[in-house]
Amino acid sequence: MFRLAHSGPRPVEYYLLVEPQPCGRLVGYYAGRPIPEFVTDAYGTHYIYAGVAPRLLNGRYDLEALRRDEWLVEPGLVYALARREQHPARQPAA
């Protein structure tokens, strides 16, 4: 039986959060857009801001630099899966 094997890197779309919605407080701006402390994806999972995505010399994201449970949100932000105690509902009021 013939089987195709994909040996190349995964497309960047595999690393993008689906329909991220901001929640929590604002922690800054990047590329003229606000950076929310948390985002929630289309499935209700919470992610916490982890930094700006590293890029390669050709301008593409360095996907190999992402850690386990880290995902991309345009325009180039990294969000990590939030632990239950980090969720915005559990954060003290500012």
PDB file of N, CA and C in Angstrom:
ATOM      1  N   MET A   1       0.851  -1.182   0.000  1.00  0.00           N
ATOM      2  CA  MET A   1       0.000   0.000   0.000  1.00  0.00           C
ATOM      3  C   MET A   1       0.887   1.232   0.000  1.00  0.00           C
ATOM      4  N   PHE A   2       0.554   2.193  -0.847  1.00  0.00           N
ATOM      5  CA  PHE A   2       1.314   3.437  -0.970  1.00  0.00           C
ATOM      6  C   PHE A   2       0.825   4.455   0.053  1.00  0.00           C
ATOM      7  N   ARG A   3       1.757   5.089   0.732  1.00  0.00           N
ATOM      8  CA  ARG A   3       1.391   6.078   1.754  1.00  0.00           C
ATOM      9  C   ARG A   3       2.242   7.330   1.583  1.00  0.00           C
ATOM     10  N   LEU A   4       1.602   8.477   1.599  1.00  0.00           N
ATOM     11  CA  LEU A   4       2.333   9.736   1.495  1.00  0.00           C
ATOM     12  C   LEU A   4       2.781  10.164   2.879  1.00  0.00           C
ATOM     13  N   ALA A   5       4.009  10.572   2.972  1.00  0.00           N
ATOM     14  CA  ALA A   5       4.530  11.069   4.249  1.00  0.00           C
ATOM     15  C   ALA A   5       4.889  12.536   4.080  1.00  0.00           C
ATOM     16  N   HIS A   6       4.482  13.318   5.039  1.00  0.00           N
ATOM     17  CA  HIS A   6       4.791  14.746   5.017  1.00  0.00           C
ATOM     18  C   HIS A   6       6.060  14.955   5.836  1.00  0.00           C
ATOM     19  N   SER A   7       7.144  15.293   5.179  1.00  0.00           N
ATOM     20  CA  SER A   7       8.410  15.429   5.894  1.00  0.00           C
ATOM     21  C   SER A   7       8.791  16.889   6.148  1.00  0.00           C
ATOM     22  N   GLY A   8       8.061  17.815   5.561  1.00  0.00           N
ATOM     23  CA  GLY A   8       8.388  19.225   5.719  1.00  0.00           C
ATOM     24  C   GLY A   8       7.795  19.804   6.991  1.00  0.00           C
ATOM     25  N   PRO A   9       8.132  21.047   7.280  1.00  0.00           N
ATOM     26  CA  PRO A   9       7.581  21.699   8.480  1.00  0.00           C
ATOM     27  C   PRO A   9       6.082  21.934   8.323  1.00  0.00           C
ATOM     28  N   ARG A  10       5.400  21.995   9.447  1.00  0.00           N
ATOM     29  CA  ARG A  10       3.972  22.271   9.426  1.00  0.00           C
ATOM     30  C   ARG A  10       3.734  23.719   9.026  1.00  0.00           C
ATOM     31  N   PRO A  11       2.616  23.979   8.361  1.00  0.00           N
ATOM     32  CA  PRO A  11       2.300  25.366   7.994  1.00  0.00           C
ATOM     33  C   PRO A  11       2.015  26.200   9.248  1.00  0.00           C
ATOM     34  N   VAL A  12       2.233  27.494   9.137  1.00  0.00           N
ATOM     35  CA  VAL A  12       2.030  28.402  10.270  1.00  0.00           C
ATOM     36  C   VAL A  12       0.590  28.351  10.767  1.00  0.00           C
ATOM     37  N   GLU A  13      -0.357  28.034   9.907  1.00  0.00           N
ATOM     38  CA  GLU A  13      -1.760  27.967  10.308  1.00  0.00           C
ATOM     39  C   GLU A  13      -2.004  26.954  11.424  1.00  0.00           C
ATOM     40  N   TYR A  14      -1.157  25.953  11.523  1.00  0.00           N
ATOM     41  CA  TYR A  14      -1.288  24.954  12.589  1.00  0.00           C
ATOM     42  C   TYR A  14      -1.028  25.565  13.962  1.00  0.00           C
ATOM     43  N   TYR A  15      -0.355  26.701  13.999  1.00  0.00           N
ATOM     44  CA  TYR A  15       0.065  27.316  15.256  1.00  0.00           C
ATOM     45  C   TYR A  15      -0.747  28.563  15.612  1.00  0.00           C
ATOM     46  N   LEU A  16      -1.712  28.918  14.785  1.00  0.00           N
ATOM     47  CA  LEU A  16      -2.531  30.096  15.043  1.00  0.00           C
ATOM     48  C   LEU A  16      -3.759  29.723  15.864  1.00  0.00           C
ATOM     49  N   LEU A  17      -4.050  30.517  16.894  1.00  0.00           N
ATOM     50  CA  LEU A  17      -5.256  30.282  17.676  1.00  0.00           C
ATOM     51  C   LEU A  17      -6.488  30.580  16.826  1.00  0.00           C
ATOM     52  N   VAL A  18      -7.536  29.800  17.028  1.00  0.00           N
ATOM     53  CA  VAL A  18      -8.777  29.954  16.275  1.00  0.00           C
ATOM     54  C   VAL A  18      -9.664  30.996  16.961  1.00  0.00           C
ATOM     55  N   GLU A  19      -9.975  32.053  16.242  1.00  0.00           N
ATOM     56  CA  GLU A  19     -10.862  33.128  16.702  1.00  0.00           C
ATOM     57  C   GLU A  19     -10.509  33.637  18.110  1.00  0.00           C
ATOM     58  N   PRO A  20      -9.281  34.111  18.300  1.00  0.00           N
ATOM     59  CA  PRO A  20      -8.908  34.604  19.636  1.00  0.00           C
ATOM     60  C   PRO A  20      -9.690  35.863  20.005  1.00  0.00           C
ATOM     61  N   GLN A  21     -10.194  35.887  21.225  1.00  0.00           N
ATOM     62  CA  GLN A  21     -10.931  37.036  21.752  1.00  0.00           C
ATOM     63  C   GLN A  21     -10.199  37.559  22.975  1.00  0.00           C
ATOM     64  N   PRO A  22      -9.966  38.877  23.049  1.00  0.00           N
ATOM     65  CA  PRO A  22      -9.240  39.429  24.197  1.00  0.00           C
ATOM     66  C   PRO A  22     -10.051  39.314  25.482  1.00  0.00           C
ATOM     67  N   CYS A  23      -9.354  39.120  26.581  1.00  0.00           N
ATOM     68  CA  CYS A  23      -9.977  39.195  27.892  1.00  0.00           C
ATOM     69  C   CYS A  23      -8.882  39.524  28.901  1.00  0.00           C
ATOM     70  N   GLY A  24      -9.282  40.071  30.009  1.00  0.00           N
ATOM     71  CA  GLY A  24      -8.288  40.516  30.973  1.00  0.00           C
ATOM     72  C   GLY A  24      -7.839  41.933  30.663  1.00  0.00           C
ATOM     73  N   ARG A  25      -6.828  42.362  31.383  1.00  0.00           N
ATOM     74  CA  ARG A  25      -6.361  43.735  31.230  1.00  0.00           C
ATOM     75  C   ARG A  25      -5.421  43.886  30.034  1.00  0.00           C
ATOM     76  N   LEU A  26      -5.177  45.101  29.649  1.00  0.00           N
ATOM     77  CA  LEU A  26      -4.280  45.445  28.557  1.00  0.00           C
ATOM     78  C   LEU A  26      -2.862  45.532  29.112  1.00  0.00           C
ATOM     79  N   VAL A  27      -1.897  44.876  28.460  1.00  0.00           N
ATOM     80  CA  VAL A  27      -0.515  44.901  28.958  1.00  0.00           C
ATOM     81  C   VAL A  27       0.427  45.718  28.078  1.00  0.00           C
ATOM     82  N   GLY A  28      -0.061  46.223  26.952  1.00  0.00           N
ATOM     83  CA  GLY A  28       0.769  47.039  26.081  1.00  0.00           C
ATOM     84  C   GLY A  28       0.228  47.063  24.666  1.00  0.00           C
ATOM     85  N   TYR A  29       1.113  47.512  23.752  1.00  0.00           N
ATOM     86  CA  TYR A  29       0.763  47.589  22.338  1.00  0.00           C
ATOM     87  C   TYR A  29       1.889  47.001  21.511  1.00  0.00           C
ATOM     88  N   TYR A  30       1.534  46.392  20.397  1.00  0.00           N
ATOM     89  CA  TYR A  30       2.523  45.861  19.461  1.00  0.00           C
ATOM     90  C   TYR A  30       1.982  46.097  18.058  1.00  0.00           C
ATOM     91  N   ALA A  31       2.807  46.679  17.202  1.00  0.00           N
ATOM     92  CA  ALA A  31       2.410  46.981  15.826  1.00  0.00           C
ATOM     93  C   ALA A  31       1.107  47.784  15.797  1.00  0.00           C
ATOM     94  N   GLY A  32       0.960  48.692  16.779  1.00  0.00           N
ATOM     95  CA  GLY A  32      -0.202  49.561  16.827  1.00  0.00           C
ATOM     96  C   GLY A  32      -1.477  48.902  17.314  1.00  0.00           C
ATOM     97  N   ARG A  33      -1.376  47.666  17.775  1.00  0.00           N
ATOM     98  CA  ARG A  33      -2.565  46.954  18.251  1.00  0.00           C
ATOM     99  C   ARG A  33      -2.412  46.615  19.726  1.00  0.00           C
ATOM    100  N   PRO A  34      -3.505  46.593  20.480  1.00  0.00           N
ATOM    101  CA  PRO A  34      -3.427  46.294  21.907  1.00  0.00           C
ATOM    102  C   PRO A  34      -3.034  44.838  22.165  1.00  0.00           C
ATOM    103  N   ILE A  35      -2.345  44.631  23.280  1.00  0.00           N
ATOM    104  CA  ILE A  35      -1.966  43.289  23.722  1.00  0.00           C
ATOM    105  C   ILE A  35      -2.781  42.962  24.973  1.00  0.00           C
ATOM    106  N   PRO A  36      -3.781  42.100  24.858  1.00  0.00           N
ATOM    107  CA  PRO A  36      -4.513  41.698  26.049  1.00  0.00           C
ATOM    108  C   PRO A  36      -3.702  40.690  26.861  1.00  0.00           C
ATOM    109  N   GLU A  37      -3.869  40.741  28.180  1.00  0.00           N
ATOM    110  CA  GLU A  37      -3.148  39.807  29.045  1.00  0.00           C
ATOM    111  C   GLU A  37      -3.544  38.362  28.737  1.00  0.00           C
ATOM    112  N   PHE A  38      -4.813  38.158  28.424  1.00  0.00           N
ATOM    113  CA  PHE A  38      -5.337  36.836  28.093  1.00  0.00           C
ATOM    114  C   PHE A  38      -6.125  36.905  26.798  1.00  0.00           C
ATOM    115  N   VAL A  39      -6.210  35.782  26.108  1.00  0.00           N
ATOM    116  CA  VAL A  39      -7.171  35.604  25.016  1.00  0.00           C
ATOM    117  C   VAL A  39      -7.880  34.276  25.250  1.00  0.00           C
ATOM    118  N   THR A  40      -9.058  34.187  24.680  1.00  0.00           N
ATOM    119  CA  THR A  40      -9.840  32.960  24.724  1.00  0.00           C
ATOM    120  C   THR A  40     -10.077  32.531  23.286  1.00  0.00           C
ATOM    121  N   ASP A  41      -9.867  31.244  22.988  1.00  0.00           N
ATOM    122  CA  ASP A  41     -10.076  30.784  21.613  1.00  0.00           C
ATOM    123  C   ASP A  41     -11.535  30.404  21.386  1.00  0.00           C
ATOM    124  N   ALA A  42     -11.828  29.920  20.199  1.00  0.00           N
ATOM    125  CA  ALA A  42     -13.196  29.581  19.815  1.00  0.00           C
ATOM    126  C   ALA A  42     -13.793  28.475  20.683  1.00  0.00           C
ATOM    127  N   TYR A  43     -12.955  27.747  21.404  1.00  0.00           N
ATOM    128  CA  TYR A  43     -13.412  26.632  22.232  1.00  0.00           C
ATOM    129  C   TYR A  43     -13.495  26.996  23.716  1.00  0.00           C
ATOM    130  N   GLY A  44     -13.213  28.271  24.033  1.00  0.00           N
ATOM    131  CA  GLY A  44     -13.297  28.729  25.413  1.00  0.00           C
ATOM    132  C   GLY A  44     -12.049  28.487  26.238  1.00  0.00           C
ATOM    133  N   THR A  45     -10.966  28.075  25.606  1.00  0.00           N
ATOM    134  CA  THR A  45      -9.710  27.838  26.308  1.00  0.00           C
ATOM    135  C   THR A  45      -8.980  29.155  26.506  1.00  0.00           C
ATOM    136  N   HIS A  46      -8.412  29.362  27.696  1.00  0.00           N
ATOM    137  CA  HIS A  46      -7.695  30.598  28.023  1.00  0.00           C
ATOM    138  C   HIS A  46      -6.197  30.450  27.776  1.00  0.00           C
ATOM    139  N   TYR A  47      -5.616  31.540  27.262  1.00  0.00           N
ATOM    140  CA  TYR A  47      -4.177  31.611  27.002  1.00  0.00           C
ATOM    141  C   TYR A  47      -3.659  32.919  27.578  1.00  0.00           C
ATOM    142  N   ILE A  48      -2.447  32.896  28.091  1.00  0.00           N
ATOM    143  CA  ILE A  48      -1.835  34.073  28.707  1.00  0.00           C
ATOM    144  C   ILE A  48      -0.710  34.576  27.810  1.00  0.00           C
ATOM    145  N   TYR A  49      -0.560  35.890  27.746  1.00  0.00           N
ATOM    146  CA  TYR A  49       0.465  36.514  26.908  1.00  0.00           C
ATOM    147  C   TYR A  49       1.846  36.039  27.325  1.00  0.00           C
ATOM    148  N   ALA A  50       2.648  35.604  26.361  1.00  0.00           N
ATOM    149  CA  ALA A  50       3.986  35.085  26.635  1.00  0.00           C
ATOM    150  C   ALA A  50       5.088  35.865  25.925  1.00  0.00           C
ATOM    151  N   GLY A  51       4.740  36.789  25.028  1.00  0.00           N
ATOM    152  CA  GLY A  51       5.768  37.586  24.356  1.00  0.00           C
ATOM    153  C   GLY A  51       5.499  37.773  22.874  1.00  0.00           C
ATOM    154  N   VAL A  52       6.508  38.322  22.219  1.00  0.00           N
ATOM    155  CA  VAL A  52       6.441  38.562  20.777  1.00  0.00           C
ATOM    156  C   VAL A  52       7.079  37.371  20.069  1.00  0.00           C
ATOM    157  N   ALA A  53       6.465  36.925  18.999  1.00  0.00           N
ATOM    158  CA  ALA A  53       6.949  35.759  18.260  1.00  0.00           C
ATOM    159  C   ALA A  53       8.285  36.054  17.576  1.00  0.00           C
ATOM    160  N   PRO A  54       9.259  35.176  17.746  1.00  0.00           N
ATOM    161  CA  PRO A  54      10.536  35.347  17.046  1.00  0.00           C
ATOM    162  C   PRO A  54      10.355  35.077  15.557  1.00  0.00           C
ATOM    163  N   ARG A  55      11.154  35.762  14.776  1.00  0.00           N
ATOM    164  CA  ARG A  55      11.071  35.591  13.325  1.00  0.00           C
ATOM    165  C   ARG A  55      12.426  35.176  12.755  1.00  0.00           C
ATOM    166  N   LEU A  56      12.357  34.518  11.624  1.00  0.00           N
ATOM    167  CA  LEU A  56      13.558  34.132  10.886  1.00  0.00           C
ATOM    168  C   LEU A  56      14.020  35.307  10.035  1.00  0.00           C
ATOM    169  N   LEU A  57      15.180  35.196   9.433  1.00  0.00           N
ATOM    170  CA  LEU A  57      15.702  36.279   8.593  1.00  0.00           C
ATOM    171  C   LEU A  57      14.795  36.598   7.408  1.00  0.00           C
ATOM    172  N   ASN A  58      14.030  35.607   6.946  1.00  0.00           N
ATOM    173  CA  ASN A  58      13.122  35.838   5.821  1.00  0.00           C
ATOM    174  C   ASN A  58      11.791  36.449   6.253  1.00  0.00           C
ATOM    175  N   GLY A  59      11.630  36.739   7.556  1.00  0.00           N
ATOM    176  CA  GLY A  59      10.421  37.374   8.062  1.00  0.00           C
ATOM    177  C   GLY A  59       9.350  36.414   8.540  1.00  0.00           C
ATOM    178  N   ARG A  60       9.515  35.137   8.259  1.00  0.00           N
ATOM    179  CA  ARG A  60       8.540  34.147   8.713  1.00  0.00           C
ATOM    180  C   ARG A  60       8.730  33.873  10.200  1.00  0.00           C
ATOM    181  N   TYR A  61       7.663  33.381  10.828  1.00  0.00           N
ATOM    182  CA  TYR A  61       7.766  33.023  12.241  1.00  0.00           C
ATOM    183  C   TYR A  61       8.740  31.867  12.427  1.00  0.00           C
ATOM    184  N   ASP A  62       9.507  31.919  13.508  1.00  0.00           N
ATOM    185  CA  ASP A  62      10.389  30.817  13.864  1.00  0.00           C
ATOM    186  C   ASP A  62       9.569  29.840  14.701  1.00  0.00           C
ATOM    187  N   LEU A  63       8.897  28.941  14.043  1.00  0.00           N
ATOM    188  CA  LEU A  63       7.996  28.010  14.715  1.00  0.00           C
ATOM    189  C   LEU A  63       8.735  27.043  15.625  1.00  0.00           C
ATOM    190  N   GLU A  64       9.993  26.781  15.312  1.00  0.00           N
ATOM    191  CA  GLU A  64      10.799  25.886  16.150  1.00  0.00           C
ATOM    192  C   GLU A  64      11.079  26.501  17.521  1.00  0.00           C
ATOM    193  N   ALA A  65      10.978  27.814  17.634  1.00  0.00           N
ATOM    194  CA  ALA A  65      11.242  28.497  18.907  1.00  0.00           C
ATOM    195  C   ALA A  65      10.050  28.445  19.858  1.00  0.00           C
ATOM    196  N   LEU A  66       8.865  28.095  19.325  1.00  0.00           N
ATOM    197  CA  LEU A  66       7.692  27.998  20.187  1.00  0.00           C
ATOM    198  C   LEU A  66       7.834  26.811  21.127  1.00  0.00           C
ATOM    199  N   ARG A  67       7.440  27.011  22.367  1.00  0.00           N
ATOM    200  CA  ARG A  67       7.447  25.925  23.342  1.00  0.00           C
ATOM    201  C   ARG A  67       6.139  25.146  23.248  1.00  0.00           C
ATOM    202  N   ARG A  68       6.128  24.015  23.925  1.00  0.00           N
ATOM    203  CA  ARG A  68       4.901  23.228  23.985  1.00  0.00           C
ATOM    204  C   ARG A  68       3.803  24.102  24.607  1.00  0.00           C
ATOM    205  N   ASP A  69       2.607  24.021  24.083  1.00  0.00           N
ATOM    206  CA  ASP A  69       1.449  24.780  24.557  1.00  0.00           C
ATOM    207  C   ASP A  69       1.559  26.276  24.307  1.00  0.00           C
ATOM    208  N   GLU A  70       2.375  26.699  23.342  1.00  0.00           N
ATOM    209  CA  GLU A  70       2.431  28.097  22.913  1.00  0.00           C
ATOM    210  C   GLU A  70       1.835  28.205  21.513  1.00  0.00           C
ATOM    211  N   TRP A  71       1.101  29.291  21.298  1.00  0.00           N
ATOM    212  CA  TRP A  71       0.384  29.496  20.047  1.00  0.00           C
ATOM    213  C   TRP A  71       0.551  30.934  19.589  1.00  0.00           C
ATOM    214  N   LEU A  72       0.300  31.164  18.318  1.00  0.00           N
ATOM    215  CA  LEU A  72       0.449  32.491  17.729  1.00  0.00           C
ATOM    216  C   LEU A  72      -0.895  33.193  17.589  1.00  0.00           C
ATOM    217  N   VAL A  73      -0.837  34.511  17.774  1.00  0.00           N
ATOM    218  CA  VAL A  73      -1.976  35.387  17.524  1.00  0.00           C
ATOM    219  C   VAL A  73      -1.427  36.560  16.720  1.00  0.00           C
ATOM    220  N   GLU A  74      -2.047  36.850  15.588  1.00  0.00           N
ATOM    221  CA  GLU A  74      -1.599  37.984  14.773  1.00  0.00           C
ATOM    222  C   GLU A  74      -1.785  39.279  15.549  1.00  0.00           C
ATOM    223  N   PRO A  75      -0.866  40.201  15.454  1.00  0.00           N
ATOM    224  CA  PRO A  75       0.176  40.411  14.460  1.00  0.00           C
ATOM    225  C   PRO A  75       1.549  39.889  14.859  1.00  0.00           C
ATOM    226  N   GLY A  76       1.625  38.779  15.564  1.00  0.00           N
ATOM    227  CA  GLY A  76       2.922  38.211  15.917  1.00  0.00           C
ATOM    228  C   GLY A  76       3.133  38.074  17.414  1.00  0.00           C
ATOM    229  N   LEU A  77       2.081  37.753  18.136  1.00  0.00           N
ATOM    230  CA  LEU A  77       2.175  37.577  19.585  1.00  0.00           C
ATOM    231  C   LEU A  77       2.134  36.096  19.920  1.00  0.00           C
ATOM    232  N   VAL A  78       2.778  35.746  21.029  1.00  0.00           N
ATOM    233  CA  VAL A  78       2.770  34.363  21.508  1.00  0.00           C
ATOM    234  C   VAL A  78       1.920  34.315  22.772  1.00  0.00           C
ATOM    235  N   TYR A  79       1.030  33.343  22.820  1.00  0.00           N
ATOM    236  CA  TYR A  79       0.208  33.087  23.997  1.00  0.00           C
ATOM    237  C   TYR A  79       0.405  31.640  24.414  1.00  0.00           C
ATOM    238  N   ALA A  80       0.528  31.425  25.723  1.00  0.00           N
ATOM    239  CA  ALA A  80       0.711  30.087  26.273  1.00  0.00           C
ATOM    240  C   ALA A  80      -0.577  29.635  26.948  1.00  0.00           C
ATOM    241  N   LEU A  81      -0.823  28.352  26.906  1.00  0.00           N
ATOM    242  CA  LEU A  81      -1.985  27.790  27.577  1.00  0.00           C
ATOM    243  C   LEU A  81      -1.951  28.201  29.042  1.00  0.00           C
ATOM    244  N   ALA A  82      -3.027  28.808  29.525  1.00  0.00           N
ATOM    245  CA  ALA A  82      -3.074  29.299  30.906  1.00  0.00           C
ATOM    246  C   ALA A  82      -3.466  28.163  31.847  1.00  0.00           C
ATOM    247  N   ARG A  83      -2.753  28.094  32.960  1.00  0.00           N
ATOM    248  CA  ARG A  83      -3.134  27.148  34.006  1.00  0.00           C
ATOM    249  C   ARG A  83      -4.395  27.675  34.677  1.00  0.00           C
ATOM    250  N   ARG A  84      -5.141  26.804  35.302  1.00  0.00           N
ATOM    251  CA  ARG A  84      -6.421  27.186  35.907  1.00  0.00           C
ATOM    252  C   ARG A  84      -6.273  28.363  36.869  1.00  0.00           C
ATOM    253  N   GLU A  85      -5.232  28.389  37.670  1.00  0.00           N
ATOM    254  CA  GLU A  85      -5.067  29.481  38.638  1.00  0.00           C
ATOM    255  C   GLU A  85      -4.704  30.809  37.975  1.00  0.00           C
ATOM    256  N   GLN A  86      -4.360  30.784  36.689  1.00  0.00           N
ATOM    257  CA  GLN A  86      -4.018  32.008  35.966  1.00  0.00           C
ATOM    258  C   GLN A  86      -5.224  32.626  35.257  1.00  0.00           C
ATOM    259  N   HIS A  87      -6.314  31.921  35.140  1.00  0.00           N
ATOM    260  CA  HIS A  87      -7.465  32.412  34.376  1.00  0.00           C
ATOM    261  C   HIS A  87      -7.890  33.788  34.854  1.00  0.00           C
ATOM    262  N   PRO A  88      -8.349  34.631  33.919  1.00  0.00           N
ATOM    263  CA  PRO A  88      -8.719  36.000  34.262  1.00  0.00           C
ATOM    264  C   PRO A  88      -9.798  36.100  35.341  1.00  0.00           C
ATOM    265  N   ALA A  89     -10.707  35.167  35.404  1.00  0.00           N
ATOM    266  CA  ALA A  89     -11.765  35.210  36.419  1.00  0.00           C
ATOM    267  C   ALA A  89     -11.191  35.044  37.817  1.00  0.00           C
ATOM    268  N   ARG A  90     -10.007  34.477  37.910  1.00  0.00           N
ATOM    269  CA  ARG A  90      -9.370  34.255  39.203  1.00  0.00           C
ATOM    270  C   ARG A  90      -8.394  35.368  39.576  1.00  0.00           C
ATOM    271  N   GLN A  91      -8.237  36.354  38.681  1.00  0.00           N
ATOM    272  CA  GLN A  91      -7.310  37.447  38.937  1.00  0.00           C
ATOM    273  C   GLN A  91      -7.930  38.461  39.898  1.00  0.00           C
ATOM    274  N   PRO A  92      -7.141  39.011  40.821  1.00  0.00           N
ATOM    275  CA  PRO A  92      -7.676  40.034  41.704  1.00  0.00           C
ATOM    276  C   PRO A  92      -8.014  41.305  40.921  1.00  0.00           C
ATOM    277  N   ALA A  93      -9.019  42.026  41.364  1.00  0.00           N
ATOM    278  CA  ALA A  93      -9.417  43.263  40.701  1.00  0.00           C
ATOM    279  C   ALA A  93      -8.303  44.286  40.803  1.00  0.00           C
ATOM    280  N   ALA A  94      -8.106  45.037  39.737  1.00  0.00           N
ATOM    281  CA  ALA A  94      -7.021  46.043  39.708  1.00  0.00           C
ATOM    282  C   ALA A  94      -7.387  47.291  40.447  1.00  0.00           C
TER     283      ALA A  94
END
